[in-house]
Amino acid sequence: MMASLLTLVATALSLLVVDLVVPGVNLATFPAALIAAVAIGGVNAFIKPVISTLSLPLNFLSLGAFSFVVNGLCFWLASVLVPGFQVYGFLGFILGPVILSAVNTFLNSYFVEKYPQQFNAQEPLTK
């Protein structure tokens, strides 16, 4: 339970960083970021596998580059579902999910290292 909450907070904080860094991504408030984090998780869990499967031939022909379009489409779709979260323009569509993924990976690894018992992970060997 705690791991899910920490992951949700990490995603919301990552969205706030994306809002600051990427032109074309706007978040109104922190609660909107939390709701957007839930929406992104839902879209990635239920809709993205279908889109990825349907776009497999294009992804194959583009040597995987079409994955950026699929990620951007899912990112944009989550913004359509959440009031106070907007994605517009090419940079917001393509660069937004890339920055979100990078910052989210950093924050999640920080939380796993800081609270290993919550994530059922072993404590780091070196400190």
N, C-alpha and C. Protein backbone atom coordinates (compact mmCIF):
# COMPACT_ATOMS: atom_id res chain seq x y z
N MET A 1 0.82 -1.19 0.00
CA MET A 1 0.00 0.00 0.00
C MET A 1 0.86 1.25 0.00
N MET A 2 1.87 1.27 0.88
CA MET A 2 2.75 2.43 0.96
C MET A 2 3.56 2.58 -0.32
N ALA A 3 3.95 1.46 -0.92
CA ALA A 3 4.71 1.52 -2.17
C ALA A 3 3.88 2.15 -3.27
N SER A 4 2.60 1.83 -3.33
CA SER A 4 1.73 2.42 -4.35
C SER A 4 1.57 3.92 -4.14
N LEU A 5 1.44 4.34 -2.91
CA LEU A 5 1.32 5.76 -2.62
C LEU A 5 2.61 6.51 -2.97
N LEU A 6 3.75 5.92 -2.65
CA LEU A 6 5.02 6.56 -2.99
C LEU A 6 5.21 6.64 -4.50
N THR A 7 4.78 5.61 -5.21
CA THR A 7 4.86 5.64 -6.67
C THR A 7 3.94 6.71 -7.24
N LEU A 8 2.76 6.84 -6.68
CA LEU A 8 1.83 7.88 -7.12
C LEU A 8 2.40 9.28 -6.88
N VAL A 9 2.98 9.50 -5.71
CA VAL A 9 3.58 10.79 -5.40
C VAL A 9 4.78 11.06 -6.32
N ALA A 10 5.58 10.03 -6.58
CA ALA A 10 6.72 10.20 -7.48
C ALA A 10 6.26 10.59 -8.88
N THR A 11 5.21 9.98 -9.36
CA THR A 11 4.68 10.31 -10.69
C THR A 11 4.12 11.72 -10.71
N ALA A 12 3.41 12.11 -9.65
CA ALA A 12 2.87 13.48 -9.59
C ALA A 12 3.98 14.51 -9.55
N LEU A 13 5.02 14.25 -8.76
CA LEU A 13 6.16 15.17 -8.72
C LEU A 13 6.88 15.22 -10.07
N SER A 14 6.97 14.07 -10.73
CA SER A 14 7.59 14.03 -12.06
C SER A 14 6.78 14.86 -13.05
N LEU A 15 5.46 14.80 -12.93
CA LEU A 15 4.62 15.61 -13.81
C LEU A 15 4.83 17.10 -13.57
N LEU A 16 5.05 17.48 -12.32
CA LEU A 16 5.32 18.89 -12.03
C LEU A 16 6.65 19.32 -12.63
N VAL A 17 7.64 18.44 -12.64
CA VAL A 17 8.92 18.75 -13.29
C VAL A 17 8.71 18.89 -14.79
N VAL A 18 7.93 17.99 -15.38
CA VAL A 18 7.63 18.08 -16.81
C VAL A 18 6.93 19.39 -17.11
N ASP A 19 6.04 19.81 -16.25
CA ASP A 19 5.35 21.09 -16.43
C ASP A 19 6.34 22.25 -16.46
N LEU A 20 7.36 22.19 -15.63
CA LEU A 20 8.36 23.26 -15.59
C LEU A 20 9.30 23.23 -16.79
N VAL A 21 9.63 22.04 -17.27
CA VAL A 21 10.70 21.89 -18.26
C VAL A 21 10.19 21.89 -19.70
N VAL A 22 9.07 21.26 -19.94
CA VAL A 22 8.61 21.04 -21.31
C VAL A 22 7.54 22.06 -21.68
N PRO A 23 7.79 22.87 -22.72
CA PRO A 23 6.72 23.74 -23.20
C PRO A 23 5.64 22.88 -23.88
N GLY A 24 4.40 23.18 -23.59
CA GLY A 24 3.31 22.40 -24.16
C GLY A 24 2.68 21.46 -23.16
N VAL A 25 3.18 21.45 -21.93
CA VAL A 25 2.56 20.66 -20.85
C VAL A 25 2.23 21.63 -19.73
N ASN A 26 0.97 21.68 -19.35
CA ASN A 26 0.51 22.59 -18.30
C ASN A 26 -0.27 21.81 -17.25
N LEU A 27 0.10 22.04 -16.00
CA LEU A 27 -0.63 21.49 -14.86
C LEU A 27 -1.10 22.65 -14.01
N ALA A 28 -2.35 22.64 -13.61
CA ALA A 28 -2.90 23.75 -12.85
C ALA A 28 -2.49 23.68 -11.38
N THR A 29 -2.62 22.51 -10.75
CA THR A 29 -2.38 22.38 -9.31
C THR A 29 -1.75 21.02 -9.01
N PHE A 30 -1.30 20.87 -7.76
CA PHE A 30 -0.77 19.57 -7.35
C PHE A 30 -1.85 18.50 -7.31
N PRO A 31 -3.07 18.79 -6.84
CA PRO A 31 -4.11 17.76 -6.93
C PRO A 31 -4.39 17.33 -8.37
N ALA A 32 -4.29 18.25 -9.31
CA ALA A 32 -4.44 17.86 -10.72
C ALA A 32 -3.32 16.93 -11.13
N ALA A 33 -2.12 17.16 -10.59
CA ALA A 33 -0.98 16.28 -10.89
C ALA A 33 -1.22 14.88 -10.32
N LEU A 34 -1.80 14.81 -9.12
CA LEU A 34 -2.10 13.50 -8.54
C LEU A 34 -3.15 12.75 -9.36
N ILE A 35 -4.18 13.46 -9.79
CA ILE A 35 -5.22 12.83 -10.61
C ILE A 35 -4.64 12.43 -11.97
N ALA A 36 -3.77 13.28 -12.52
CA ALA A 36 -3.13 12.96 -13.80
C ALA A 36 -2.23 11.73 -13.66
N ALA A 37 -1.56 11.59 -12.52
CA ALA A 37 -0.72 10.41 -12.29
C ALA A 37 -1.57 9.14 -12.30
N VAL A 38 -2.75 9.20 -11.69
CA VAL A 38 -3.66 8.04 -11.69
C VAL A 38 -4.14 7.78 -13.12
N ALA A 39 -4.47 8.84 -13.84
CA ALA A 39 -4.95 8.68 -15.22
C ALA A 39 -3.87 8.10 -16.12
N ILE A 40 -2.65 8.56 -15.97
CA ILE A 40 -1.54 8.02 -16.78
C ILE A 40 -1.33 6.54 -16.46
N GLY A 41 -1.40 6.20 -15.18
CA GLY A 41 -1.28 4.78 -14.82
C GLY A 41 -2.38 3.94 -15.42
N GLY A 42 -3.61 4.45 -15.40
CA GLY A 42 -4.74 3.71 -15.98
C GLY A 42 -4.63 3.57 -17.48
N VAL A 43 -4.27 4.66 -18.15
CA VAL A 43 -4.11 4.61 -19.61
C VAL A 43 -2.98 3.66 -19.98
N ASN A 44 -1.86 3.72 -19.25
CA ASN A 44 -0.74 2.83 -19.54
C ASN A 44 -1.07 1.36 -19.25
N ALA A 45 -1.95 1.12 -18.30
CA ALA A 45 -2.29 -0.26 -17.95
C ALA A 45 -3.32 -0.87 -18.89
N PHE A 46 -4.29 -0.07 -19.34
CA PHE A 46 -5.41 -0.65 -20.09
C PHE A 46 -5.43 -0.30 -21.58
N ILE A 47 -5.05 0.90 -21.93
CA ILE A 47 -5.18 1.33 -23.32
C ILE A 47 -3.87 1.17 -24.10
N LYS A 48 -2.75 1.44 -23.46
CA LYS A 48 -1.46 1.37 -24.16
C LYS A 48 -1.15 -0.02 -24.73
N PRO A 49 -1.45 -1.12 -24.03
CA PRO A 49 -1.18 -2.43 -24.65
C PRO A 49 -1.96 -2.65 -25.94
N VAL A 50 -3.18 -2.15 -25.99
CA VAL A 50 -3.99 -2.31 -27.20
C VAL A 50 -3.39 -1.49 -28.34
N ILE A 51 -3.05 -0.23 -28.06
CA ILE A 51 -2.46 0.63 -29.09
C ILE A 51 -1.11 0.07 -29.54
N SER A 52 -0.31 -0.41 -28.60
CA SER A 52 1.00 -0.98 -28.96
C SER A 52 0.85 -2.21 -29.85
N THR A 53 -0.12 -3.04 -29.55
CA THR A 53 -0.34 -4.23 -30.36
C THR A 53 -0.81 -3.86 -31.76
N LEU A 54 -1.74 -2.92 -31.84
CA LEU A 54 -2.24 -2.51 -33.15
C LEU A 54 -1.18 -1.79 -33.99
N SER A 55 -0.25 -1.12 -33.35
CA SER A 55 0.78 -0.38 -34.08
C SER A 55 2.07 -1.18 -34.25
N LEU A 56 2.04 -2.45 -33.94
CA LEU A 56 3.24 -3.28 -34.05
C LEU A 56 3.89 -3.26 -35.44
N PRO A 57 3.12 -3.34 -36.54
CA PRO A 57 3.78 -3.26 -37.85
C PRO A 57 4.50 -1.92 -38.08
N LEU A 58 3.88 -0.81 -37.67
CA LEU A 58 4.54 0.49 -37.82
C LEU A 58 5.78 0.58 -36.93
N ASN A 59 5.67 0.02 -35.74
CA ASN A 59 6.80 0.03 -34.83
C ASN A 59 7.95 -0.81 -35.40
N PHE A 60 7.62 -1.91 -36.01
CA PHE A 60 8.63 -2.76 -36.62
C PHE A 60 9.32 -2.05 -37.79
N LEU A 61 8.50 -1.40 -38.64
CA LEU A 61 9.07 -0.70 -39.80
C LEU A 61 9.91 0.50 -39.39
N SER A 62 9.58 1.14 -38.30
CA SER A 62 10.33 2.32 -37.86
C SER A 62 11.45 1.96 -36.89
N LEU A 63 11.70 0.68 -36.71
CA LEU A 63 12.74 0.19 -35.79
C LEU A 63 12.53 0.68 -34.36
N GLY A 64 11.28 0.75 -33.96
CA GLY A 64 10.94 1.11 -32.59
C GLY A 64 10.66 2.58 -32.35
N ALA A 65 10.92 3.42 -33.33
CA ALA A 65 10.73 4.86 -33.14
C ALA A 65 9.26 5.23 -32.99
N PHE A 66 8.37 4.41 -33.50
CA PHE A 66 6.93 4.70 -33.37
C PHE A 66 6.47 4.59 -31.92
N SER A 67 7.28 3.99 -31.06
CA SER A 67 6.95 3.91 -29.64
C SER A 67 6.83 5.30 -29.03
N PHE A 68 7.61 6.25 -29.54
CA PHE A 68 7.50 7.62 -29.04
C PHE A 68 6.11 8.19 -29.34
N VAL A 69 5.57 7.86 -30.50
CA VAL A 69 4.23 8.33 -30.87
C VAL A 69 3.19 7.65 -29.98
N VAL A 70 3.34 6.37 -29.72
CA VAL A 70 2.39 5.65 -28.86
C VAL A 70 2.43 6.24 -27.45
N ASN A 71 3.64 6.51 -26.91
CA ASN A 71 3.76 7.11 -25.58
C ASN A 71 3.13 8.50 -25.56
N GLY A 72 3.38 9.28 -26.60
CA GLY A 72 2.81 10.61 -26.68
C GLY A 72 1.29 10.57 -26.76
N LEU A 73 0.77 9.62 -27.51
CA LEU A 73 -0.68 9.48 -27.63
C LEU A 73 -1.31 9.12 -26.28
N CYS A 74 -0.69 8.23 -25.55
CA CYS A 74 -1.21 7.85 -24.23
C CYS A 74 -1.10 9.02 -23.24
N PHE A 75 -0.01 9.76 -23.31
CA PHE A 75 0.19 10.94 -22.46
C PHE A 75 -0.90 11.98 -22.76
N TRP A 76 -1.15 12.22 -24.04
CA TRP A 76 -2.17 13.17 -24.44
C TRP A 76 -3.57 12.70 -24.02
N LEU A 77 -3.83 11.40 -24.17
CA LEU A 77 -5.13 10.85 -23.80
C LEU A 77 -5.40 11.04 -22.31
N ALA A 78 -4.37 10.87 -21.48
CA ALA A 78 -4.53 11.10 -20.04
C ALA A 78 -4.85 12.57 -19.79
N SER A 79 -4.27 13.47 -20.58
CA SER A 79 -4.55 14.90 -20.39
C SER A 79 -5.98 15.24 -20.78
N VAL A 80 -6.55 14.50 -21.72
CA VAL A 80 -7.94 14.73 -22.11
C VAL A 80 -8.88 14.34 -20.97
N LEU A 81 -8.50 13.34 -20.20
CA LEU A 81 -9.35 12.83 -19.12
C LEU A 81 -9.31 13.68 -17.85
N VAL A 82 -8.26 14.49 -17.68
CA VAL A 82 -8.04 15.21 -16.42
C VAL A 82 -8.17 16.72 -16.63
N PRO A 83 -9.13 17.35 -15.97
CA PRO A 83 -9.18 18.81 -16.04
C PRO A 83 -8.00 19.41 -15.27
N GLY A 84 -7.40 20.43 -15.82
CA GLY A 84 -6.24 21.05 -15.18
C GLY A 84 -4.93 20.48 -15.68
N PHE A 85 -4.98 19.55 -16.62
CA PHE A 85 -3.78 18.96 -17.21
C PHE A 85 -3.94 19.04 -18.72
N GLN A 86 -3.02 19.77 -19.36
CA GLN A 86 -3.10 19.98 -20.80
C GLN A 86 -1.79 19.61 -21.46
N VAL A 87 -1.89 18.96 -22.61
CA VAL A 87 -0.73 18.65 -23.45
C VAL A 87 -1.06 19.15 -24.85
N TYR A 88 -0.19 19.99 -25.38
CA TYR A 88 -0.39 20.49 -26.73
C TYR A 88 0.98 20.73 -27.37
N GLY A 89 1.00 20.68 -28.68
CA GLY A 89 2.24 20.91 -29.42
C GLY A 89 3.09 19.66 -29.52
N PHE A 90 4.03 19.71 -30.46
CA PHE A 90 4.88 18.56 -30.73
C PHE A 90 5.81 18.24 -29.55
N LEU A 91 6.39 19.28 -28.93
CA LEU A 91 7.31 19.04 -27.81
C LEU A 91 6.58 18.41 -26.62
N GLY A 92 5.40 18.90 -26.32
CA GLY A 92 4.63 18.31 -25.23
C GLY A 92 4.24 16.87 -25.51
N PHE A 93 3.95 16.58 -26.77
CA PHE A 93 3.50 15.26 -27.19
C PHE A 93 4.64 14.23 -27.16
N ILE A 94 5.82 14.62 -27.63
CA ILE A 94 6.94 13.68 -27.74
C ILE A 94 7.89 13.77 -26.54
N LEU A 95 8.27 14.99 -26.15
CA LEU A 95 9.27 15.16 -25.10
C LEU A 95 8.67 14.98 -23.70
N GLY A 96 7.39 15.28 -23.52
CA GLY A 96 6.76 15.15 -22.21
C GLY A 96 6.89 13.75 -21.61
N PRO A 97 6.50 12.70 -22.33
CA PRO A 97 6.63 11.36 -21.76
C PRO A 97 8.08 10.93 -21.52
N VAL A 98 9.00 11.42 -22.34
CA VAL A 98 10.41 11.06 -22.16
C VAL A 98 10.95 11.64 -20.86
N ILE A 99 10.69 12.93 -20.63
CA ILE A 99 11.13 13.58 -19.40
C ILE A 99 10.41 12.98 -18.20
N LEU A 100 9.11 12.71 -18.34
CA LEU A 100 8.35 12.08 -17.27
C LEU A 100 8.97 10.75 -16.87
N SER A 101 9.33 9.95 -17.84
CA SER A 101 9.92 8.64 -17.57
C SER A 101 11.27 8.77 -16.86
N ALA A 102 12.10 9.70 -17.32
CA ALA A 102 13.43 9.87 -16.72
C ALA A 102 13.33 10.34 -15.27
N VAL A 103 12.52 11.36 -15.02
CA VAL A 103 12.39 11.89 -13.66
C VAL A 103 11.70 10.87 -12.76
N ASN A 104 10.69 10.18 -13.28
CA ASN A 104 9.98 9.18 -12.50
C ASN A 104 10.90 8.01 -12.12
N THR A 105 11.76 7.60 -13.02
CA THR A 105 12.72 6.54 -12.72
C THR A 105 13.66 6.96 -11.60
N PHE A 106 14.14 8.21 -11.67
CA PHE A 106 15.03 8.73 -10.63
C PHE A 106 14.32 8.77 -9.27
N LEU A 107 13.12 9.32 -9.23
CA LEU A 107 12.40 9.44 -7.96
C LEU A 107 12.01 8.07 -7.39
N ASN A 108 11.57 7.17 -8.24
CA ASN A 108 11.21 5.83 -7.75
C ASN A 108 12.43 5.09 -7.21
N SER A 109 13.57 5.23 -7.87
CA SER A 109 14.78 4.57 -7.35
C SER A 109 15.21 5.20 -6.02
N TYR A 110 14.99 6.51 -5.87
CA TYR A 110 15.28 7.16 -4.60
C TYR A 110 14.38 6.59 -3.50
N PHE A 111 13.08 6.47 -3.78
CA PHE A 111 12.15 5.96 -2.77
C PHE A 111 12.46 4.50 -2.43
N VAL A 112 12.84 3.71 -3.41
CA VAL A 112 13.17 2.30 -3.14
C VAL A 112 14.42 2.22 -2.26
N GLU A 113 15.39 3.10 -2.52
CA GLU A 113 16.61 3.09 -1.70
C GLU A 113 16.34 3.63 -0.30
N LYS A 114 15.48 4.62 -0.20
CA LYS A 114 15.19 5.25 1.09
C LYS A 114 14.29 4.37 1.97
N TYR A 115 13.32 3.69 1.36
CA TYR A 115 12.36 2.86 2.09
C TYR A 115 12.31 1.45 1.50
N PRO A 116 13.38 0.67 1.62
CA PRO A 116 13.40 -0.66 0.97
C PRO A 116 12.37 -1.62 1.56
N GLN A 117 12.04 -1.49 2.84
CA GLN A 117 11.07 -2.40 3.44
C GLN A 117 9.68 -2.22 2.85
N GLN A 118 9.36 -1.03 2.36
CA GLN A 118 8.05 -0.78 1.76
C GLN A 118 7.92 -1.41 0.38
N PHE A 119 9.06 -1.57 -0.30
CA PHE A 119 9.06 -2.11 -1.67
C PHE A 119 9.51 -3.56 -1.71
N ASN A 120 9.67 -4.20 -0.53
CA ASN A 120 10.13 -5.58 -0.44
C ASN A 120 11.46 -5.77 -1.15
N ALA A 121 12.32 -4.78 -1.04
CA ALA A 121 13.64 -4.86 -1.66
C ALA A 121 14.67 -4.95 -0.53
N GLN A 122 15.83 -5.47 -0.89
CA GLN A 122 16.89 -5.55 0.09
C GLN A 122 17.53 -4.17 0.26
N GLU A 123 18.07 -3.94 1.45
CA GLU A 123 18.75 -2.68 1.66
C GLU A 123 20.02 -2.64 0.83
N PRO A 124 20.43 -1.44 0.41
CA PRO A 124 21.65 -1.35 -0.38
C PRO A 124 22.86 -1.82 0.41
N LEU A 125 23.81 -2.42 -0.31
CA LEU A 125 24.98 -2.96 0.35
C LEU A 125 25.93 -1.87 0.83
N THR A 126 25.98 -0.77 0.10
CA THR A 126 26.88 0.33 0.47
C THR A 126 26.06 1.54 0.85
N LYS A 127 26.58 2.27 1.79
CA LYS A 127 25.92 3.52 2.19
C LYS A 127 26.91 4.63 2.25
